[in-house]
Amino acid sequence: MNTDPSKSVATSITPTNEIQTERLAYSIKEAAALMGVQYFSIYRLIQRGKIRACRALRGKILVPRTELLRLLKGS
């Protein structure tokens, strides 16, 4: 087991006790679920330029985790 804190990765445990690392970006649907708002609320924020998003393969829109954190902080 790696005990070096400089090489640690943020992890979370799901209800099924599976360990998952934090993701760098989320789909609009996932971002809405994390923020507790509707899908279209996140979509409108992207359209209005309040949060940045990027397109992945096949045109899927992804919202970076840093943008969600920035939105929560209110800056």
N, C-alpha and C. Protein backbone atom coordinates (compact mmCIF):
# COMPACT_ATOMS: atom_id res chain seq x y z
N MET A 1 0.84 -1.18 0.00
CA MET A 1 0.00 0.00 0.00
C MET A 1 0.88 1.24 0.00
N ASN A 2 0.56 2.22 -0.83
CA ASN A 2 1.33 3.45 -0.96
C ASN A 2 0.96 4.39 0.17
N THR A 3 1.93 4.78 1.02
CA THR A 3 1.67 5.68 2.12
C THR A 3 2.22 7.07 1.89
N ASP A 4 2.78 7.34 0.74
CA ASP A 4 3.34 8.65 0.41
C ASP A 4 2.20 9.63 0.11
N PRO A 5 1.96 10.66 0.97
CA PRO A 5 0.84 11.57 0.75
C PRO A 5 0.98 12.43 -0.49
N SER A 6 2.19 12.62 -0.99
CA SER A 6 2.38 13.44 -2.19
C SER A 6 1.87 12.74 -3.44
N LYS A 7 1.65 11.44 -3.36
CA LYS A 7 1.17 10.67 -4.51
C LYS A 7 -0.27 10.19 -4.31
N SER A 8 -0.96 10.77 -3.34
CA SER A 8 -2.31 10.31 -3.08
C SER A 8 -3.28 10.85 -4.12
N VAL A 9 -4.34 10.11 -4.35
CA VAL A 9 -5.39 10.48 -5.28
C VAL A 9 -6.69 10.55 -4.49
N ALA A 10 -7.46 11.61 -4.73
CA ALA A 10 -8.73 11.74 -4.02
C ALA A 10 -9.64 10.59 -4.42
N THR A 11 -10.19 9.95 -3.42
CA THR A 11 -11.07 8.82 -3.69
C THR A 11 -12.35 8.96 -2.90
N SER A 12 -13.36 8.26 -3.33
CA SER A 12 -14.61 8.20 -2.60
C SER A 12 -15.11 6.76 -2.64
N ILE A 13 -15.90 6.42 -1.65
CA ILE A 13 -16.44 5.07 -1.58
C ILE A 13 -17.93 5.14 -1.87
N THR A 14 -18.37 4.37 -2.83
CA THR A 14 -19.77 4.35 -3.22
C THR A 14 -20.54 3.45 -2.26
N PRO A 15 -21.88 3.52 -2.31
CA PRO A 15 -22.68 2.66 -1.42
C PRO A 15 -22.38 1.16 -1.59
N THR A 16 -21.86 0.76 -2.73
CA THR A 16 -21.54 -0.64 -2.94
C THR A 16 -20.10 -0.95 -2.52
N ASN A 17 -19.47 0.01 -1.79
CA ASN A 17 -18.11 -0.11 -1.28
C ASN A 17 -17.05 -0.23 -2.36
N GLU A 18 -17.33 0.31 -3.53
CA GLU A 18 -16.33 0.36 -4.58
C GLU A 18 -15.58 1.68 -4.46
N ILE A 19 -14.27 1.64 -4.61
CA ILE A 19 -13.47 2.86 -4.53
C ILE A 19 -13.39 3.48 -5.91
N GLN A 20 -13.69 4.80 -5.99
CA GLN A 20 -13.63 5.51 -7.25
C GLN A 20 -12.80 6.77 -7.07
N THR A 21 -12.02 7.14 -8.08
CA THR A 21 -11.29 8.39 -8.04
C THR A 21 -12.21 9.50 -8.53
N GLU A 22 -11.93 10.74 -8.07
CA GLU A 22 -12.73 11.87 -8.51
C GLU A 22 -12.46 12.13 -9.98
N ARG A 23 -13.51 12.47 -10.70
CA ARG A 23 -13.39 12.66 -12.14
C ARG A 23 -12.99 14.10 -12.44
N LEU A 24 -12.38 14.29 -13.60
CA LEU A 24 -11.97 15.62 -14.03
C LEU A 24 -13.13 16.39 -14.65
N ALA A 25 -14.09 15.70 -15.24
CA ALA A 25 -15.22 16.36 -15.89
C ALA A 25 -16.45 15.47 -15.81
N TYR A 26 -17.61 16.12 -15.91
CA TYR A 26 -18.88 15.43 -15.82
C TYR A 26 -19.77 15.81 -16.99
N SER A 27 -20.66 14.92 -17.37
CA SER A 27 -21.65 15.25 -18.40
C SER A 27 -22.62 16.27 -17.80
N ILE A 28 -23.41 16.90 -18.64
CA ILE A 28 -24.38 17.89 -18.14
C ILE A 28 -25.35 17.22 -17.17
N LYS A 29 -25.79 16.03 -17.48
CA LYS A 29 -26.72 15.31 -16.62
C LYS A 29 -26.09 15.02 -15.26
N GLU A 30 -24.84 14.57 -15.25
CA GLU A 30 -24.14 14.27 -14.00
C GLU A 30 -23.89 15.54 -13.20
N ALA A 31 -23.50 16.62 -13.89
CA ALA A 31 -23.25 17.89 -13.22
C ALA A 31 -24.53 18.41 -12.57
N ALA A 32 -25.64 18.28 -13.26
CA ALA A 32 -26.93 18.72 -12.71
C ALA A 32 -27.29 17.92 -11.47
N ALA A 33 -27.05 16.62 -11.52
CA ALA A 33 -27.34 15.77 -10.36
C ALA A 33 -26.46 16.14 -9.17
N LEU A 34 -25.19 16.42 -9.42
CA LEU A 34 -24.28 16.80 -8.34
C LEU A 34 -24.67 18.14 -7.72
N MET A 35 -25.15 19.07 -8.55
CA MET A 35 -25.51 20.40 -8.08
C MET A 35 -26.93 20.47 -7.54
N GLY A 36 -27.73 19.44 -7.82
CA GLY A 36 -29.10 19.41 -7.35
C GLY A 36 -30.02 20.32 -8.14
N VAL A 37 -29.74 20.48 -9.44
CA VAL A 37 -30.57 21.32 -10.31
C VAL A 37 -30.98 20.52 -11.54
N GLN A 38 -31.83 21.12 -12.36
CA GLN A 38 -32.28 20.48 -13.58
C GLN A 38 -31.19 20.50 -14.65
N TYR A 39 -31.27 19.57 -15.58
CA TYR A 39 -30.36 19.48 -16.72
C TYR A 39 -30.27 20.81 -17.46
N PHE A 40 -31.43 21.42 -17.73
CA PHE A 40 -31.45 22.65 -18.53
C PHE A 40 -30.85 23.84 -17.79
N SER A 41 -30.82 23.80 -16.47
CA SER A 41 -30.18 24.87 -15.71
C SER A 41 -28.68 24.90 -16.00
N ILE A 42 -28.05 23.73 -16.01
CA ILE A 42 -26.63 23.65 -16.34
C ILE A 42 -26.41 24.05 -17.80
N TYR A 43 -27.27 23.58 -18.68
CA TYR A 43 -27.15 23.90 -20.10
C TYR A 43 -27.25 25.41 -20.32
N ARG A 44 -28.18 26.08 -19.63
CA ARG A 44 -28.33 27.54 -19.77
C ARG A 44 -27.10 28.27 -19.24
N LEU A 45 -26.52 27.79 -18.14
CA LEU A 45 -25.32 28.41 -17.61
C LEU A 45 -24.17 28.33 -18.61
N ILE A 46 -24.10 27.22 -19.33
CA ILE A 46 -23.07 27.06 -20.36
C ILE A 46 -23.34 28.03 -21.51
N GLN A 47 -24.60 28.10 -21.96
CA GLN A 47 -24.95 28.99 -23.07
C GLN A 47 -24.70 30.45 -22.74
N ARG A 48 -24.93 30.84 -21.50
CA ARG A 48 -24.75 32.23 -21.07
C ARG A 48 -23.31 32.57 -20.73
N GLY A 49 -22.43 31.57 -20.76
CA GLY A 49 -21.02 31.79 -20.48
C GLY A 49 -20.67 31.86 -19.01
N LYS A 50 -21.58 31.42 -18.14
CA LYS A 50 -21.32 31.44 -16.70
C LYS A 50 -20.38 30.32 -16.28
N ILE A 51 -20.44 29.19 -16.99
CA ILE A 51 -19.49 28.11 -16.77
C ILE A 51 -18.97 27.63 -18.12
N ARG A 52 -17.72 27.21 -18.12
CA ARG A 52 -17.11 26.71 -19.35
C ARG A 52 -17.40 25.22 -19.49
N ALA A 53 -17.47 24.79 -20.70
CA ALA A 53 -17.64 23.37 -20.99
C ALA A 53 -16.82 23.04 -22.23
N CYS A 54 -16.59 21.77 -22.46
CA CYS A 54 -15.86 21.35 -23.65
C CYS A 54 -16.58 20.17 -24.29
N ARG A 55 -16.30 19.97 -25.53
CA ARG A 55 -16.91 18.85 -26.25
C ARG A 55 -15.91 17.69 -26.31
N ALA A 56 -16.41 16.53 -25.99
CA ALA A 56 -15.60 15.31 -26.06
C ALA A 56 -15.90 14.61 -27.38
N LEU A 57 -15.50 13.39 -27.46
CA LEU A 57 -15.76 12.61 -28.67
C LEU A 57 -17.26 12.52 -28.94
N ARG A 58 -17.61 12.52 -30.19
CA ARG A 58 -19.01 12.41 -30.63
C ARG A 58 -19.88 13.56 -30.14
N GLY A 59 -19.27 14.70 -29.82
CA GLY A 59 -20.03 15.89 -29.47
C GLY A 59 -20.58 15.95 -28.07
N LYS A 60 -20.21 15.02 -27.20
CA LYS A 60 -20.71 15.03 -25.83
C LYS A 60 -20.12 16.23 -25.09
N ILE A 61 -20.98 16.98 -24.40
CA ILE A 61 -20.54 18.16 -23.66
C ILE A 61 -20.13 17.73 -22.26
N LEU A 62 -18.94 18.17 -21.85
CA LEU A 62 -18.43 17.86 -20.51
C LEU A 62 -18.17 19.15 -19.75
N VAL A 63 -18.51 19.14 -18.47
CA VAL A 63 -18.28 20.28 -17.59
C VAL A 63 -17.12 19.92 -16.67
N PRO A 64 -16.03 20.69 -16.71
CA PRO A 64 -14.90 20.39 -15.83
C PRO A 64 -15.27 20.51 -14.35
N ARG A 65 -14.69 19.67 -13.54
CA ARG A 65 -14.94 19.68 -12.10
C ARG A 65 -14.58 21.03 -11.50
N THR A 66 -13.51 21.65 -12.01
CA THR A 66 -13.09 22.96 -11.49
C THR A 66 -14.16 24.02 -11.72
N GLU A 67 -14.90 23.92 -12.81
CA GLU A 67 -15.98 24.89 -13.08
C GLU A 67 -17.12 24.72 -12.09
N LEU A 68 -17.43 23.48 -11.72
CA LEU A 68 -18.48 23.25 -10.74
C LEU A 68 -18.07 23.78 -9.37
N LEU A 69 -16.81 23.58 -9.02
CA LEU A 69 -16.31 24.09 -7.74
C LEU A 69 -16.32 25.61 -7.72
N ARG A 70 -15.93 26.23 -8.84
CA ARG A 70 -15.93 27.69 -8.95
C ARG A 70 -17.35 28.23 -8.81
N LEU A 71 -18.29 27.56 -9.43
CA LEU A 71 -19.70 27.97 -9.36
C LEU A 71 -20.21 27.88 -7.91
N LEU A 72 -19.82 26.84 -7.21
CA LEU A 72 -20.24 26.68 -5.82
C LEU A 72 -19.63 27.76 -4.91
N LYS A 73 -18.40 28.15 -5.20
CA LYS A 73 -17.74 29.18 -4.40
C LYS A 73 -18.31 30.56 -4.68
N GLY A 74 -18.96 30.72 -5.84
CA GLY A 74 -19.59 31.99 -6.16
C GLY A 74 -18.67 33.03 -6.77
N SER A 75 -17.51 32.61 -7.26
CA SER A 75 -16.60 33.59 -7.86
C SER A 75 -16.65 33.54 -9.36
